[in-house]
Structures are given as C-alpha cells and as structure tokens.
C-alpha cells in the first residue's frame, strides 16, 4: 500500500512539475514576443525619423514650414506616399 501511495504522490509531483514547466515556457515565449514587438517599434521609429529628416532636407524653407504645420496624421500619410 505504501508503494502505491509513494508512486501516486511521485506521479502527482511529476505532473505538477510538468505543468509548471509548461507555464514557464509559455511565459518565456510571451516575454520574447513582447521584446520583439518593442524592438520593432524602436526600429520603426528610428527609420521614420531618418525618413522625416531626409524629406525635410529636400524641401525649401517655405515648404518645410507649411509641412510642419500639418496635423501629425497628415504628415505620416505624406511620408508614406513619398517613400512608395
């Protein structure tokens, strides 16, 4: 009888460890995906800043002043169309 109790407890313990390991693995995957998303945002932001600088450098002072008075969304749309 003691053997069966020990075997059952051992299997229960192994199952619990497996569940905890699975959860840790899932959590690690989530952390890695979040880090990848943050990195992509930073990369995109840096690329957007470079693109904005290049666009502004090609403009005259008057064009630059008019461009920068536009709403943010309109500036983004303009940059997207110029890069295509």
Protein backbone atom coordinates (compact mmCIF):
# COMPACT_ATOMS: atom_id res chain seq x y z
CA UNK A 1 0.00 0.00 0.00
CA UNK A 2 2.81 2.42 0.87
CA UNK A 3 4.38 1.75 -2.54
CA UNK A 4 1.15 2.78 -4.28
CA UNK A 5 0.88 5.96 -2.21
CA UNK A 6 4.50 6.88 -2.94
CA UNK A 7 4.08 6.07 -6.64
CA UNK A 8 0.87 8.16 -6.80
CA UNK A 9 2.47 11.06 -4.95
CA UNK A 10 5.51 10.86 -7.18
CA UNK A 11 3.40 10.88 -10.33
CA UNK A 12 1.34 13.77 -8.97
CA UNK A 13 4.54 15.67 -8.22
CA UNK A 14 5.91 14.94 -11.71
CA UNK A 15 2.64 16.12 -13.29
CA UNK A 16 2.78 19.31 -11.25
CA UNK A 17 6.38 19.94 -12.29
CA UNK A 18 5.43 19.37 -15.92
CA UNK A 19 2.58 21.87 -15.63
CA UNK A 20 4.86 24.44 -14.01
CA UNK A 21 7.48 23.91 -16.69
CA UNK A 22 4.85 24.34 -19.40
CA UNK A 23 3.66 27.58 -17.81
CA UNK A 24 7.22 28.88 -17.57
CA UNK A 25 7.78 28.01 -21.21
CA UNK A 26 4.62 29.88 -22.21
CA UNK A 27 5.65 32.89 -20.10
CA UNK A 28 9.09 32.91 -21.73
CA UNK A 29 7.51 32.82 -25.18
CA UNK A 30 5.27 35.75 -24.27
CA UNK A 31 8.23 37.75 -22.92
CA UNK A 32 10.23 37.07 -26.08
CA UNK A 33 7.35 38.16 -28.31
CA UNK A 34 6.87 41.35 -26.29
CA UNK A 35 10.58 42.12 -26.58
CA UNK A 36 10.44 41.53 -30.35
CA UNK A 37 7.46 43.88 -30.67
CA UNK A 38 9.21 46.60 -28.64
CA UNK A 39 12.34 46.23 -30.78
CA UNK A 40 10.30 46.51 -33.98
CA UNK A 41 8.65 49.68 -32.69
CA UNK A 42 12.03 51.24 -31.87
CA UNK A 43 13.44 50.23 -35.25
CA UNK A 44 10.37 51.64 -37.00
CA UNK A 45 10.58 54.88 -35.05
CA UNK A 46 14.26 55.34 -35.90
CA UNK A 47 13.57 54.59 -39.57
CA UNK A 48 10.68 57.07 -39.54
CA UNK A 49 12.87 59.76 -38.02
CA UNK A 50 15.54 59.24 -40.69
CA UNK A 51 12.87 59.41 -43.39
CA UNK A 52 11.43 62.61 -41.93
CA UNK A 53 14.86 64.25 -41.81
CA UNK A 54 15.59 63.27 -45.41
CA UNK A 55 12.21 64.61 -46.54
CA UNK A 56 12.71 67.90 -44.70
CA UNK A 57 16.20 68.31 -46.16
CA UNK A 58 14.81 68.08 -49.70
CA UNK A 59 12.25 70.86 -49.03
CA UNK A 60 12.65 74.58 -49.28
CA UNK A 61 12.22 76.64 -46.11
CA UNK A 62 8.71 77.67 -47.14
CA UNK A 63 7.70 74.06 -47.94
CA UNK A 64 9.20 72.87 -44.66
CA UNK A 65 7.24 75.46 -42.65
CA UNK A 66 3.96 74.53 -44.36
CA UNK A 67 4.64 70.81 -44.00
CA UNK A 68 5.30 71.05 -40.27
CA UNK A 69 2.08 72.99 -39.65
CA UNK A 70 0.04 69.99 -40.82
CA UNK A 71 -1.58 67.56 -38.36
CA UNK A 72 0.58 64.58 -37.36
CA UNK A 73 -1.58 62.06 -39.25
CA UNK A 74 -1.29 64.06 -42.45
CA UNK A 75 2.50 64.26 -42.08
CA UNK A 76 2.64 60.46 -41.66
CA UNK A 77 0.50 59.95 -44.77
CA UNK A 78 2.73 62.28 -46.78
CA UNK A 79 5.85 60.43 -45.68
CA UNK A 80 4.28 57.08 -46.60
CA UNK A 81 3.35 58.24 -50.10
CA UNK A 82 6.78 59.79 -50.69
CA UNK A 83 8.55 56.56 -49.70
CA UNK A 84 6.50 54.38 -52.09
